[in-house]
Amino acid sequence: MLKGKITISENYFSTISAIKNITSDSSNKQVRLISDYCSEEYISNGKSEIKIIDSRIVNLNPPKASLLHSGKIELLAGYDESILELNSLQGQLRCVSHVCCLQSNHAYTPVGYLSLKFFTKSLIIQEKSTPTSDIILTTDISKSINDNYHSERISFLHEYLPKSSLVFIDGAIFSGANTSYNFNMCDEFKSRDITPLFFVKNSESELVKQSYDFAKDYNNDLHWANSILKVKERSQVFHYISDGDLNRSMIFTYVKVFENRSPIRIEMPYSNYSSLELDFGDLLDFVCFQYYANGSVSNIQPRIIQIAEIYAREILKSTGIYQEIEKLGLTKIMNEVRF
C-alpha cells in the first residue's frame, strides 16, 4: 500500500521568488480561495438525446454495502483540490493543491501534489522571469489555466490512482470548457480498469424536465427528483448523448440521502458504465453508505471526498503561501465556503 506523501512542483519556490520581483510595483490586486473548482454546468442542446434505460425507482440498502470487504472493489479513492487564485494587473497566480485519498479496508492514505504558476499576457513580465520559474506567457489566460490544471490533474491521477480502483469526483461531467478534459480523463481511467463516479450537489439542469411530460411542470430536474424520491431511493436511470456522439454520453440518476435535503445527481460516462463489472445497484448502495459515513446534513458528500477536501485545504494552508502573499504587500480578500 502506498504511503501518504506530498509532492511539490519542481519550480514552486523559484516561481515565488520571480513573482516577488514581478509584483513589487503592483496595486489593485485581489486574492481568493476557490472552494469547488468546476465550471458552470453546461449541456449542449444541439442533436442531443436522453432516454430512460431503467424506469424503476429503487430502494437503496446501505447496510449491505460492503464492496471494499467483498473483493468487488480493490480500492476506493476520492479526488478533490483546493485552489488559491490571485488576480493582479500583471497577470494571474494559481496555487493548486491536488489530493487523491485512497481507502483500503483499514486505512486512509492521502497523496498530494502542489503547484504554483503565474499566467500573463505581458512580454515585459515574462522577460523578468527565470528559466526555473513557471511564468507562463499566453494570449488566453483562462484557456491556459484550464489546460495546465487538467494536465496536472490527469498526470497526478495517472501516477497515484491504482488500477482497478473506484474513484469519486466532485462535480459534473458536462461542465463547460472542462467537458472534453473530463472525457479524456475517463478514457484514461477505462484503459486502467478504473471506475469513475461524478457527484453533482447543485444543478439547474432541465434535461429531464424538457424531455418528459412527467417532469415538465417542475422548476428543474432536482425539483422533480425531490418530489418523487423518498430517503434512500434512487430515480430512473437516464442515458444522455451529446450531439449524437456516443463517446460524449453519460448515464445519470438522482439519489435522495437525507430528509429535507436536495437529492444528488450521480453521473458516469456511458463507456465506463457499459463495461462496468460491478452491479450498479450494489454500487449505489455503497454510495449511499458513503454519505451516511460522512454523517453531515450540512455538507452532503461522500466520506472519501470529504477527507480528500480536508487534506487539500490543509496542504494549501501548510505551505505558508498566505504569508508569502502578505510579504508581497497584496491586499488580501478571501471568499471561501466552508473554510
C-alpha atoms as a PDB file:
ATOM      1  CA  MET A   1       0.000   0.000   0.000  1.00  0.00           C
ATOM      2  CA  LEU A   2       1.339   3.441  -0.964  1.00  0.00           C
ATOM      3  CA  LYS A   3       2.373   5.635   1.964  1.00  0.00           C
ATOM      4  CA  GLY A   4       0.931   9.139   2.232  1.00  0.00           C
ATOM      5  CA  LYS A   5       3.077  11.800   0.577  1.00  0.00           C
ATOM      6  CA  ILE A   6       3.046  15.376  -0.705  1.00  0.00           C
ATOM      7  CA  THR A   7       4.985  16.344  -3.820  1.00  0.00           C
ATOM      8  CA  ILE A   8       5.745  19.999  -4.553  1.00  0.00           C
ATOM      9  CA  SER A   9       6.222  21.066  -8.164  1.00  0.00           C
ATOM     10  CA  GLU A  10       9.851  21.470  -9.202  1.00  0.00           C
ATOM     11  CA  ASN A  11       9.621  25.228  -9.798  1.00  0.00           C
ATOM     12  CA  TYR A  12       7.373  26.119  -6.854  1.00  0.00           C
ATOM     13  CA  PHE A  13       9.872  28.130  -4.791  1.00  0.00           C
ATOM     14  CA  SER A  14      11.661  29.735  -7.739  1.00  0.00           C
ATOM     15  CA  THR A  15       8.266  30.884  -9.035  1.00  0.00           C
ATOM     16  CA  ILE A  16       7.542  32.586  -5.703  1.00  0.00           C
ATOM     17  CA  SER A  17      10.870  34.438  -5.950  1.00  0.00           C
ATOM     18  CA  ALA A  18      10.111  35.523  -9.505  1.00  0.00           C
ATOM     19  CA  ILE A  19       6.613  36.689  -8.551  1.00  0.00           C
ATOM     20  CA  LYS A  20       8.064  38.868  -5.763  1.00  0.00           C
ATOM     21  CA  ASN A  21      10.047  40.767  -8.378  1.00  0.00           C
ATOM     22  CA  ILE A  22       7.130  40.951 -10.791  1.00  0.00           C
ATOM     23  CA  THR A  23       4.571  42.236  -8.281  1.00  0.00           C
ATOM     24  CA  SER A  24       6.819  44.568  -6.314  1.00  0.00           C
ATOM     25  CA  ASP A  25       5.240  47.599  -8.026  1.00  0.00           C
ATOM     26  CA  SER A  26       1.711  46.180  -8.229  1.00  0.00           C
ATOM     27  CA  SER A  27      -1.518  47.661  -6.983  1.00  0.00           C
ATOM     28  CA  ASN A  28      -5.208  46.811  -7.097  1.00  0.00           C
ATOM     29  CA  LYS A  29      -4.819  43.088  -6.505  1.00  0.00           C
ATOM     30  CA  GLN A  30      -7.376  40.562  -5.325  1.00  0.00           C
ATOM     31  CA  VAL A  31      -6.794  37.077  -3.942  1.00  0.00           C
ATOM     32  CA  ARG A  32      -9.434  34.467  -3.337  1.00  0.00           C
ATOM     33  CA  LEU A  33      -9.638  30.795  -2.452  1.00  0.00           C
ATOM     34  CA  ILE A  34     -11.858  28.726  -4.718  1.00  0.00           C
ATOM     35  CA  SER A  35     -13.827  26.097  -2.799  1.00  0.00           C
ATOM     36  CA  ASP A  36     -15.199  23.959  -5.623  1.00  0.00           C
ATOM     37  CA  TYR A  37     -13.325  24.130  -8.891  1.00  0.00           C
ATOM     38  CA  CYS A  38     -15.813  23.207 -11.586  1.00  0.00           C
ATOM     39  CA  SER A  39     -17.161  25.334 -14.399  1.00  0.00           C
ATOM     40  CA  GLU A  40     -20.816  26.175 -14.578  1.00  0.00           C
ATOM     41  CA  GLU A  41     -22.727  23.092 -15.589  1.00  0.00           C
ATOM     42  CA  TYR A  42     -23.276  23.053 -19.337  1.00  0.00           C
ATOM     43  CA  ILE A  43     -25.150  20.611 -21.537  1.00  0.00           C
ATOM     44  CA  SER A  44     -25.485  21.133 -25.284  1.00  0.00           C
ATOM     45  CA  ASN A  45     -28.938  21.136 -26.834  1.00  0.00           C
ATOM     46  CA  GLY A  46     -27.884  20.511 -30.490  1.00  0.00           C
ATOM     47  CA  LYS A  47     -28.704  16.967 -31.635  1.00  0.00           C
ATOM     48  CA  SER A  48     -28.597  15.622 -28.117  1.00  0.00           C
ATOM     49  CA  GLU A  49     -30.968  12.973 -26.837  1.00  0.00           C
ATOM     50  CA  ILE A  50     -31.933  11.487 -23.499  1.00  0.00           C
ATOM     51  CA  LYS A  51     -33.555   8.126 -22.843  1.00  0.00           C
ATOM     52  CA  ILE A  52     -34.519   6.058 -19.832  1.00  0.00           C
ATOM     53  CA  ILE A  53     -32.524   2.838 -19.544  1.00  0.00           C
ATOM     54  CA  ASP A  54     -34.030   1.750 -16.205  1.00  0.00           C
ATOM     55  CA  SER A  55     -37.534   3.004 -15.409  1.00  0.00           C
ATOM     56  CA  ARG A  56     -37.611   1.771 -11.809  1.00  0.00           C
ATOM     57  CA  ILE A  57     -37.452   3.850  -8.644  1.00  0.00           C
ATOM     58  CA  VAL A  58     -35.325   1.652  -6.383  1.00  0.00           C
ATOM     59  CA  ASN A  59     -34.806   1.464  -2.624  1.00  0.00           C
ATOM     60  CA  LEU A  60     -31.145   1.576  -1.629  1.00  0.00           C
ATOM     61  CA  ASN A  61     -29.720  -0.608   1.107  1.00  0.00           C
ATOM     62  CA  PRO A  62     -26.583   0.982   2.590  1.00  0.00           C
ATOM     63  CA  PRO A  63     -26.009  -1.628   5.345  1.00  0.00           C
ATOM     64  CA  LYS A  64     -25.262  -4.316   2.760  1.00  0.00           C
ATOM     65  CA  ALA A  65     -22.744  -2.050   1.006  1.00  0.00           C
ATOM     66  CA  SER A  66     -19.506  -3.851   1.822  1.00  0.00           C
ATOM     67  CA  LEU A  67     -17.792  -3.681  -1.547  1.00  0.00           C
ATOM     68  CA  LEU A  68     -14.382  -2.947  -0.046  1.00  0.00           C
ATOM     69  CA  HIS A  69     -14.595  -6.121   2.046  1.00  0.00           C
ATOM     70  CA  SER A  70     -16.095  -8.370  -0.615  1.00  0.00           C
ATOM     71  CA  GLY A  71     -13.319  -8.164  -3.192  1.00  0.00           C
ATOM     72  CA  LYS A  72     -15.618  -6.423  -5.695  1.00  0.00           C
ATOM     73  CA  ILE A  73     -13.597  -3.205  -5.294  1.00  0.00           C
ATOM     74  CA  GLU A  74      -9.881  -3.395  -4.564  1.00  0.00           C
ATOM     75  CA  LEU A  75      -9.560   0.248  -3.586  1.00  0.00           C
ATOM     76  CA  LEU A  76     -11.750   3.317  -3.146  1.00  0.00           C
ATOM     77  CA  ALA A  77     -10.388   6.761  -3.945  1.00  0.00           C
ATOM     78  CA  GLY A  78     -11.678  10.308  -3.698  1.00  0.00           C
ATOM     79  CA  TYR A  79     -10.268  13.262  -5.619  1.00  0.00           C
ATOM     80  CA  ASP A  80     -10.566  16.938  -4.712  1.00  0.00           C
ATOM     81  CA  GLU A  81      -8.487  20.082  -4.932  1.00  0.00           C
ATOM     82  CA  SER A  82      -8.100  23.444  -3.254  1.00  0.00           C
ATOM     83  CA  ILE A  83      -7.105  26.459  -5.337  1.00  0.00           C
ATOM     84  CA  LEU A  84      -5.681  29.814  -4.337  1.00  0.00           C
ATOM     85  CA  GLU A  85      -6.157  32.387  -7.085  1.00  0.00           C
ATOM     86  CA  LEU A  86      -4.623  35.849  -7.233  1.00  0.00           C
ATOM     87  CA  ASN A  87      -5.623  38.426  -9.840  1.00  0.00           C
ATOM     88  CA  SER A  88      -3.291  41.384 -10.419  1.00  0.00           C
ATOM     89  CA  LEU A  89      -2.605  43.975 -13.061  1.00  0.00           C
ATOM     90  CA  GLN A  90       0.345  41.881 -14.221  1.00  0.00           C
ATOM     91  CA  GLY A  91      -1.447  38.567 -14.527  1.00  0.00           C
ATOM     92  CA  GLN A  92      -2.962  35.723 -12.560  1.00  0.00           C
ATOM     93  CA  LEU A  93      -1.374  33.478  -9.949  1.00  0.00           C
ATOM     94  CA  ARG A  94      -2.712  29.976  -9.300  1.00  0.00           C
ATOM     95  CA  CYS A  95      -1.650  27.692  -6.487  1.00  0.00           C
ATOM     96  CA  VAL A  96      -3.350  24.282  -6.736  1.00  0.00           C
ATOM     97  CA  SER A  97      -3.386  21.537  -4.133  1.00  0.00           C
ATOM     98  CA  HIS A  98      -4.449  18.245  -5.752  1.00  0.00           C
ATOM     99  CA  VAL A  99      -5.333  15.353  -3.424  1.00  0.00           C
ATOM    100  CA  CYS A 100      -6.195  11.740  -4.080  1.00  0.00           C
ATOM    101  CA  CYS A 101      -7.292   9.996  -0.891  1.00  0.00           C
ATOM    102  CA  LEU A 102      -7.053   6.199  -1.047  1.00  0.00           C
ATOM    103  CA  GLN A 103      -9.083   3.931   1.215  1.00  0.00           C
ATOM    104  CA  SER A 104      -8.357   0.269   1.789  1.00  0.00           C
ATOM    105  CA  ASN A 105     -10.076  -1.938   4.341  1.00  0.00           C
ATOM    106  CA  HIS A 106      -8.050  -0.493   7.198  1.00  0.00           C
ATOM    107  CA  ALA A 107      -6.718   2.981   6.394  1.00  0.00           C
ATOM    108  CA  TYR A 108      -6.984   6.264   4.529  1.00  0.00           C
ATOM    109  CA  THR A 109      -3.859   7.223   2.586  1.00  0.00           C
ATOM    110  CA  PRO A 110      -3.709  10.790   1.200  1.00  0.00           C
ATOM    111  CA  VAL A 111      -1.420  11.704  -1.677  1.00  0.00           C
ATOM    112  CA  GLY A 112      -0.992  15.368  -2.620  1.00  0.00           C
ATOM    113  CA  TYR A 113       0.584  17.434  -5.370  1.00  0.00           C
ATOM    114  CA  LEU A 114       1.121  21.184  -5.021  1.00  0.00           C
ATOM    115  CA  SER A 115       1.787  23.519  -7.953  1.00  0.00           C
ATOM    116  CA  LEU A 116       2.179  27.264  -8.367  1.00  0.00           C
ATOM    117  CA  LYS A 117       2.119  29.126 -11.694  1.00  0.00           C
ATOM    118  CA  PHE A 118       1.767  32.699 -12.894  1.00  0.00           C
ATOM    119  CA  PHE A 119      -0.089  33.423 -16.148  1.00  0.00           C
ATOM    120  CA  THR A 120       0.386  36.701 -18.017  1.00  0.00           C
ATOM    121  CA  LYS A 121      -0.179  38.285 -21.422  1.00  0.00           C
ATOM    122  CA  SER A 122       2.712  40.675 -20.825  1.00  0.00           C
ATOM    123  CA  LEU A 123       6.012  40.083 -22.578  1.00  0.00           C
ATOM    124  CA  ILE A 124       7.570  42.614 -20.177  1.00  0.00           C
ATOM    125  CA  ILE A 125       6.556  40.415 -17.223  1.00  0.00           C
ATOM    126  CA  GLN A 126       7.629  37.212 -18.920  1.00  0.00           C
ATOM    127  CA  GLU A 127      11.072  38.657 -19.638  1.00  0.00           C
ATOM    128  CA  LYS A 128      11.562  39.226 -15.886  1.00  0.00           C
ATOM    129  CA  SER A 129      11.123  35.516 -15.214  1.00  0.00           C
ATOM    130  CA  THR A 130      13.871  32.956 -14.817  1.00  0.00           C
ATOM    131  CA  PRO A 131      14.275  29.633 -16.658  1.00  0.00           C
ATOM    132  CA  THR A 132      13.349  27.774 -13.476  1.00  0.00           C
ATOM    133  CA  SER A 133      10.112  29.672 -12.743  1.00  0.00           C
ATOM    134  CA  ASP A 134       6.637  28.842 -14.028  1.00  0.00           C
ATOM    135  CA  ILE A 135       5.809  32.246 -15.513  1.00  0.00           C
ATOM    136  CA  ILE A 136       3.578  31.408 -18.478  1.00  0.00           C
ATOM    137  CA  LEU A 137       3.161  33.854 -21.359  1.00  0.00           C
ATOM    138  CA  THR A 138      -0.200  33.368 -23.071  1.00  0.00           C
ATOM    139  CA  THR A 139      -2.736  35.189 -25.235  1.00  0.00           C
ATOM    140  CA  ASP A 140      -5.625  33.464 -23.418  1.00  0.00           C
ATOM    141  CA  ILE A 141      -5.168  33.224 -19.660  1.00  0.00           C
ATOM    142  CA  SER A 142      -8.402  31.319 -18.993  1.00  0.00           C
ATOM    143  CA  LYS A 143      -7.589  28.657 -21.572  1.00  0.00           C
ATOM    144  CA  SER A 144      -4.013  28.302 -20.360  1.00  0.00           C
ATOM    145  CA  ILE A 145      -5.216  27.918 -16.777  1.00  0.00           C
ATOM    146  CA  ASN A 146      -7.651  25.182 -17.815  1.00  0.00           C
ATOM    147  CA  ASP A 147      -5.036  23.413 -19.950  1.00  0.00           C
ATOM    148  CA  ASN A 148      -2.480  23.437 -17.135  1.00  0.00           C
ATOM    149  CA  TYR A 149      -4.965  22.420 -14.446  1.00  0.00           C
ATOM    150  CA  HIS A 150      -6.258  19.418 -16.356  1.00  0.00           C
ATOM    151  CA  SER A 151      -2.801  18.367 -17.490  1.00  0.00           C
ATOM    152  CA  GLU A 152      -1.699  18.371 -13.842  1.00  0.00           C
ATOM    153  CA  ARG A 153      -4.812  16.517 -12.706  1.00  0.00           C
ATOM    154  CA  ILE A 154      -4.601  13.689 -15.231  1.00  0.00           C
ATOM    155  CA  SER A 155      -0.815  13.273 -14.720  1.00  0.00           C
ATOM    156  CA  PHE A 156      -1.292  13.230 -10.944  1.00  0.00           C
ATOM    157  CA  LEU A 157      -4.098  10.674 -11.047  1.00  0.00           C
ATOM    158  CA  HIS A 158      -2.262   8.548 -13.601  1.00  0.00           C
ATOM    159  CA  GLU A 159       0.704   8.301 -11.249  1.00  0.00           C
ATOM    160  CA  TYR A 160      -1.102   7.748  -7.957  1.00  0.00           C
ATOM    161  CA  LEU A 161      -4.537   6.273  -8.689  1.00  0.00           C
ATOM    162  CA  PRO A 162      -4.123   2.481  -8.724  1.00  0.00           C
ATOM    163  CA  LYS A 163      -5.572   0.221 -11.388  1.00  0.00           C
ATOM    164  CA  SER A 164      -8.994  -1.347 -10.773  1.00  0.00           C
ATOM    165  CA  SER A 165      -9.997   1.294  -8.235  1.00  0.00           C
ATOM    166  CA  LEU A 166     -13.289   3.128  -7.805  1.00  0.00           C
ATOM    167  CA  VAL A 167     -12.824   6.906  -7.759  1.00  0.00           C
ATOM    168  CA  PHE A 168     -15.342   9.545  -6.609  1.00  0.00           C
ATOM    169  CA  ILE A 169     -15.043  13.020  -8.150  1.00  0.00           C
ATOM    170  CA  ASP A 170     -16.943  16.138  -7.073  1.00  0.00           C
ATOM    171  CA  GLY A 171     -18.578  17.978  -9.988  1.00  0.00           C
ATOM    172  CA  ALA A 172     -20.392  17.421 -13.275  1.00  0.00           C
ATOM    173  CA  ILE A 173     -19.007  15.597 -16.322  1.00  0.00           C
ATOM    174  CA  PHE A 174     -20.529  18.169 -18.670  1.00  0.00           C
ATOM    175  CA  SER A 175     -19.080  21.403 -17.284  1.00  0.00           C
ATOM    176  CA  GLY A 176     -18.385  23.948 -19.983  1.00  0.00           C
ATOM    177  CA  ALA A 177     -14.748  24.190 -21.014  1.00  0.00           C
ATOM    178  CA  ASN A 178     -13.924  21.231 -18.746  1.00  0.00           C
ATOM    179  CA  THR A 179     -16.143  18.719 -20.565  1.00  0.00           C
ATOM    180  CA  SER A 180     -13.592  17.451 -23.099  1.00  0.00           C
ATOM    181  CA  TYR A 181     -10.929  17.222 -20.401  1.00  0.00           C
ATOM    182  CA  ASN A 182     -13.281  15.143 -18.234  1.00  0.00           C
ATOM    183  CA  PHE A 183     -13.984  12.671 -21.023  1.00  0.00           C
ATOM    184  CA  ASN A 184     -10.281  12.394 -21.882  1.00  0.00           C
ATOM    185  CA  MET A 185      -9.531  11.658 -18.240  1.00  0.00           C
ATOM    186  CA  CYS A 186     -12.249   8.998 -18.110  1.00  0.00           C
ATOM    187  CA  ASP A 187     -10.873   7.359 -21.277  1.00  0.00           C
ATOM    188  CA  GLU A 188      -7.528   7.085 -19.484  1.00  0.00           C
ATOM    189  CA  PHE A 189      -9.324   5.606 -16.474  1.00  0.00           C
ATOM    190  CA  LYS A 190     -11.014   2.986 -18.622  1.00  0.00           C
ATOM    191  CA  SER A 191      -7.660   1.851 -20.023  1.00  0.00           C
ATOM    192  CA  ARG A 192      -6.654   1.003 -16.425  1.00  0.00           C
ATOM    193  CA  ASP A 193      -9.981  -0.521 -15.314  1.00  0.00           C
ATOM    194  CA  ILE A 194     -10.724   2.461 -13.069  1.00  0.00           C
ATOM    195  CA  THR A 195     -14.397   3.249 -12.426  1.00  0.00           C
ATOM    196  CA  PRO A 196     -15.213   6.978 -12.028  1.00  0.00           C
ATOM    197  CA  LEU A 197     -18.352   8.385 -10.433  1.00  0.00           C
ATOM    198  CA  PHE A 198     -19.170  12.116 -10.533  1.00  0.00           C
ATOM    199  CA  PHE A 199     -21.311  13.810  -7.887  1.00  0.00           C
ATOM    200  CA  VAL A 200     -23.396  16.942  -8.523  1.00  0.00           C
ATOM    201  CA  LYS A 201     -24.825  18.659  -5.444  1.00  0.00           C
ATOM    202  CA  ASN A 202     -26.278  21.782  -7.059  1.00  0.00           C
ATOM    203  CA  SER A 203     -27.720  21.917 -10.547  1.00  0.00           C
ATOM    204  CA  GLU A 204     -30.162  23.930 -12.645  1.00  0.00           C
ATOM    205  CA  SER A 205     -30.308  21.161 -15.262  1.00  0.00           C
ATOM    206  CA  GLU A 206     -33.627  20.722 -17.069  1.00  0.00           C
ATOM    207  CA  LEU A 207     -32.728  17.686 -19.167  1.00  0.00           C
ATOM    208  CA  VAL A 208     -35.487  15.545 -17.680  1.00  0.00           C
ATOM    209  CA  LYS A 209     -37.949  18.454 -17.401  1.00  0.00           C
ATOM    210  CA  GLN A 210     -37.580  19.331 -21.085  1.00  0.00           C
ATOM    211  CA  SER A 211     -37.726  15.733 -22.282  1.00  0.00           C
ATOM    212  CA  TYR A 212     -40.548  14.089 -20.336  1.00  0.00           C
ATOM    213  CA  ASP A 213     -44.095  15.137 -19.562  1.00  0.00           C
ATOM    214  CA  PHE A 214     -43.896  13.694 -16.051  1.00  0.00           C
ATOM    215  CA  ALA A 215     -41.327  16.388 -15.134  1.00  0.00           C
ATOM    216  CA  LYS A 216     -42.388  19.339 -17.289  1.00  0.00           C
ATOM    217  CA  ASP A 217     -44.281  21.244 -14.553  1.00  0.00           C
ATOM    218  CA  TYR A 218     -41.351  21.357 -12.128  1.00  0.00           C
ATOM    219  CA  ASN A 219     -38.784  24.131 -11.699  1.00  0.00           C
ATOM    220  CA  ASN A 220     -35.869  21.915 -12.729  1.00  0.00           C
ATOM    221  CA  ASP A 221     -34.722  18.301 -12.571  1.00  0.00           C
ATOM    222  CA  LEU A 222     -33.713  18.439  -8.919  1.00  0.00           C
ATOM    223  CA  HIS A 223     -37.152  19.793  -8.019  1.00  0.00           C
ATOM    224  CA  TRP A 224     -38.735  16.891  -9.901  1.00  0.00           C
ATOM    225  CA  ALA A 225     -36.445  14.287  -8.303  1.00  0.00           C
ATOM    226  CA  ASN A 226     -37.099  15.669  -4.832  1.00  0.00           C
ATOM    227  CA  SER A 227     -40.854  15.327  -5.368  1.00  0.00           C
ATOM    228  CA  ILE A 228     -40.769  11.637  -6.303  1.00  0.00           C
ATOM    229  CA  LEU A 229     -37.986  10.239  -4.116  1.00  0.00           C
ATOM    230  CA  LYS A 230     -38.111   9.093  -0.536  1.00  0.00           C
ATOM    231  CA  VAL A 231     -34.997   8.872   1.625  1.00  0.00           C
ATOM    232  CA  LYS A 232     -32.644   6.096   0.415  1.00  0.00           C
ATOM    233  CA  GLU A 233     -34.220   5.889  -3.032  1.00  0.00           C
ATOM    234  CA  ARG A 234     -32.760   6.433  -6.481  1.00  0.00           C
ATOM    235  CA  SER A 235     -34.667   7.647  -9.522  1.00  0.00           C
ATOM    236  CA  GLN A 236     -34.853   6.193 -13.009  1.00  0.00           C
ATOM    237  CA  VAL A 237     -31.509   5.826 -14.751  1.00  0.00           C
ATOM    238  CA  PHE A 238     -31.076   8.057 -17.803  1.00  0.00           C
ATOM    239  CA  HIS A 239     -28.690   7.918 -20.744  1.00  0.00           C
ATOM    240  CA  TYR A 240     -27.731  11.317 -22.184  1.00  0.00           C
ATOM    241  CA  ILE A 241     -25.987  11.513 -25.584  1.00  0.00           C
ATOM    242  CA  SER A 242     -24.470  14.870 -26.530  1.00  0.00           C
ATOM    243  CA  ASP A 243     -24.781  15.940 -30.171  1.00  0.00           C
ATOM    244  CA  GLY A 244     -25.283  12.362 -31.332  1.00  0.00           C
ATOM    245  CA  ASP A 245     -21.806  11.313 -30.144  1.00  0.00           C
ATOM    246  CA  LEU A 246     -21.895   8.125 -28.078  1.00  0.00           C
ATOM    247  CA  ASN A 247     -18.336   8.868 -26.925  1.00  0.00           C
ATOM    248  CA  ARG A 248     -19.667  12.026 -25.264  1.00  0.00           C
ATOM    249  CA  SER A 249     -22.519  10.485 -23.352  1.00  0.00           C
ATOM    250  CA  MET A 250     -23.258   9.654 -19.749  1.00  0.00           C
ATOM    251  CA  ILE A 251     -25.695   7.825 -17.549  1.00  0.00           C
ATOM    252  CA  PHE A 252     -27.139   9.583 -14.523  1.00  0.00           C
ATOM    253  CA  THR A 253     -29.591   9.055 -11.718  1.00  0.00           C
ATOM    254  CA  TYR A 254     -30.793  11.024  -8.694  1.00  0.00           C
ATOM    255  CA  VAL A 255     -30.399   9.789  -5.121  1.00  0.00           C
ATOM    256  CA  LYS A 256     -32.083  11.214  -2.020  1.00  0.00           C
ATOM    257  CA  VAL A 257     -29.905  10.696   1.023  1.00  0.00           C
ATOM    258  CA  PHE A 258     -31.481  12.861   3.747  1.00  0.00           C
ATOM    259  CA  GLU A 259     -34.964  14.158   4.506  1.00  0.00           C
ATOM    260  CA  ASN A 260     -35.470  17.867   3.766  1.00  0.00           C
ATOM    261  CA  ARG A 261     -32.298  17.985   1.668  1.00  0.00           C
ATOM    262  CA  SER A 262     -31.947  18.139  -2.082  1.00  0.00           C
ATOM    263  CA  PRO A 263     -31.195  14.918  -3.994  1.00  0.00           C
ATOM    264  CA  ILE A 264     -27.759  14.399  -5.550  1.00  0.00           C
ATOM    265  CA  ARG A 265     -27.175  13.590  -9.196  1.00  0.00           C
ATOM    266  CA  ILE A 266     -24.705  10.757  -9.757  1.00  0.00           C
ATOM    267  CA  GLU A 267     -23.069  10.511 -13.184  1.00  0.00           C
ATOM    268  CA  MET A 268     -20.787   8.137 -15.066  1.00  0.00           C
ATOM    269  CA  PRO A 269     -19.540   8.244 -18.669  1.00  0.00           C
ATOM    270  CA  TYR A 270     -21.514   5.706 -20.680  1.00  0.00           C
ATOM    271  CA  SER A 271     -18.331   3.993 -21.919  1.00  0.00           C
ATOM    272  CA  ASN A 272     -17.369   3.252 -18.314  1.00  0.00           C
ATOM    273  CA  TYR A 273     -20.914   2.209 -17.417  1.00  0.00           C
ATOM    274  CA  SER A 274     -21.225  -0.174 -20.379  1.00  0.00           C
ATOM    275  CA  SER A 275     -18.099  -2.049 -19.285  1.00  0.00           C
ATOM    276  CA  LEU A 276     -18.943  -1.943 -15.563  1.00  0.00           C
ATOM    277  CA  GLU A 277     -18.287  -5.288 -13.897  1.00  0.00           C
ATOM    278  CA  LEU A 278     -19.929  -4.260 -10.623  1.00  0.00           C
ATOM    279  CA  ASP A 279     -23.667  -4.458 -10.145  1.00  0.00           C
ATOM    280  CA  PHE A 280     -24.924  -0.872 -10.489  1.00  0.00           C
ATOM    281  CA  GLY A 281     -27.368  -1.375  -7.635  1.00  0.00           C
ATOM    282  CA  ASP A 282     -24.596  -2.536  -5.307  1.00  0.00           C
ATOM    283  CA  LEU A 283     -22.524   0.458  -6.378  1.00  0.00           C
ATOM    284  CA  LEU A 284     -25.315   2.901  -5.459  1.00  0.00           C
ATOM    285  CA  ASP A 285     -25.817   1.117  -2.134  1.00  0.00           C
ATOM    286  CA  PHE A 286     -22.140   1.765  -1.458  1.00  0.00           C
ATOM    287  CA  VAL A 287     -22.502   5.410  -2.500  1.00  0.00           C
ATOM    288  CA  CYS A 288     -25.373   5.843  -0.066  1.00  0.00           C
ATOM    289  CA  PHE A 289     -23.276   4.201   2.658  1.00  0.00           C
ATOM    290  CA  GLN A 290     -20.505   6.736   1.983  1.00  0.00           C
ATOM    291  CA  TYR A 291     -22.902   9.639   2.544  1.00  0.00           C
ATOM    292  CA  TYR A 292     -24.042   8.232   5.872  1.00  0.00           C
ATOM    293  CA  ALA A 293     -20.441   7.503   6.863  1.00  0.00           C
ATOM    294  CA  ASN A 294     -19.740  11.202   6.385  1.00  0.00           C
ATOM    295  CA  GLY A 295     -22.679  11.941   8.661  1.00  0.00           C
ATOM    296  CA  SER A 296     -23.234  15.593   7.747  1.00  0.00           C
ATOM    297  CA  VAL A 297     -26.552  17.083   6.618  1.00  0.00           C
ATOM    298  CA  SER A 298     -24.943  20.500   6.079  1.00  0.00           C
ATOM    299  CA  ASN A 299     -22.036  19.292   3.927  1.00  0.00           C
ATOM    300  CA  ILE A 300     -23.600  16.439   1.986  1.00  0.00           C
ATOM    301  CA  GLN A 301     -20.963  14.471   0.133  1.00  0.00           C
ATOM    302  CA  PRO A 302     -19.334  11.027   0.233  1.00  0.00           C
ATOM    303  CA  ARG A 303     -16.938  10.472   3.106  1.00  0.00           C
ATOM    304  CA  ILE A 304     -13.965   9.806   0.827  1.00  0.00           C
ATOM    305  CA  ILE A 305     -14.436  13.145  -0.991  1.00  0.00           C
ATOM    306  CA  GLN A 306     -14.831  14.965   2.321  1.00  0.00           C
ATOM    307  CA  ILE A 307     -11.499  13.592   3.539  1.00  0.00           C
ATOM    308  CA  ALA A 308      -9.753  14.485   0.259  1.00  0.00           C
ATOM    309  CA  GLU A 309     -11.187  18.002   0.518  1.00  0.00           C
ATOM    310  CA  ILE A 310      -9.866  18.439   4.065  1.00  0.00           C
ATOM    311  CA  TYR A 311      -6.374  17.294   3.097  1.00  0.00           C
ATOM    312  CA  ALA A 312      -6.337  19.531   0.001  1.00  0.00           C
ATOM    313  CA  ARG A 313      -7.121  22.613   2.085  1.00  0.00           C
ATOM    314  CA  GLU A 314      -4.720  21.767   4.871  1.00  0.00           C
ATOM    315  CA  ILE A 315      -1.881  21.128   2.410  1.00  0.00           C
ATOM    316  CA  LEU A 316      -2.509  24.513   0.809  1.00  0.00           C
ATOM    317  CA  LYS A 317      -2.558  26.270   4.169  1.00  0.00           C
ATOM    318  CA  SER A 318       0.545  24.442   5.405  1.00  0.00           C
ATOM    319  CA  THR A 319       2.689  25.832   2.574  1.00  0.00           C
ATOM    320  CA  GLY A 320       2.766  29.326   4.049  1.00  0.00           C
ATOM    321  CA  ILE A 321       1.519  30.727   0.737  1.00  0.00           C
ATOM    322  CA  TYR A 322      -0.744  33.141   2.612  1.00  0.00           C
ATOM    323  CA  GLN A 323       2.257  34.541   4.483  1.00  0.00           C
ATOM    324  CA  GLU A 324       4.154  34.851   1.199  1.00  0.00           C
ATOM    325  CA  ILE A 325       1.290  36.877  -0.246  1.00  0.00           C
ATOM    326  CA  GLU A 326       1.397  39.164   2.784  1.00  0.00           C
ATOM    327  CA  LYS A 327       5.117  39.707   2.239  1.00  0.00           C
ATOM    328  CA  LEU A 328       4.346  40.835  -1.294  1.00  0.00           C
ATOM    329  CA  GLY A 329       2.132  43.582   0.134  1.00  0.00           C
ATOM    330  CA  LEU A 330      -1.019  42.260  -1.538  1.00  0.00           C
ATOM    331  CA  THR A 331      -4.499  43.303  -0.498  1.00  0.00           C
ATOM    332  CA  LYS A 332      -5.999  40.049   0.751  1.00  0.00           C
ATOM    333  CA  ILE A 333      -9.697  39.463   0.107  1.00  0.00           C
ATOM    334  CA  MET A 334     -10.831  35.936   0.911  1.00  0.00           C
ATOM    335  CA  ASN A 335     -14.049  34.391  -0.295  1.00  0.00           C
ATOM    336  CA  GLU A 336     -14.372  30.743   0.582  1.00  0.00           C
ATOM    337  CA  VAL A 337     -17.225  28.447   1.524  1.00  0.00           C
ATOM    338  CA  ARG A 338     -16.656  26.031   4.434  1.00  0.00           C
ATOM    339  CA  PHE A 339     -13.194  27.488   5.156  1.00  0.00           C
END
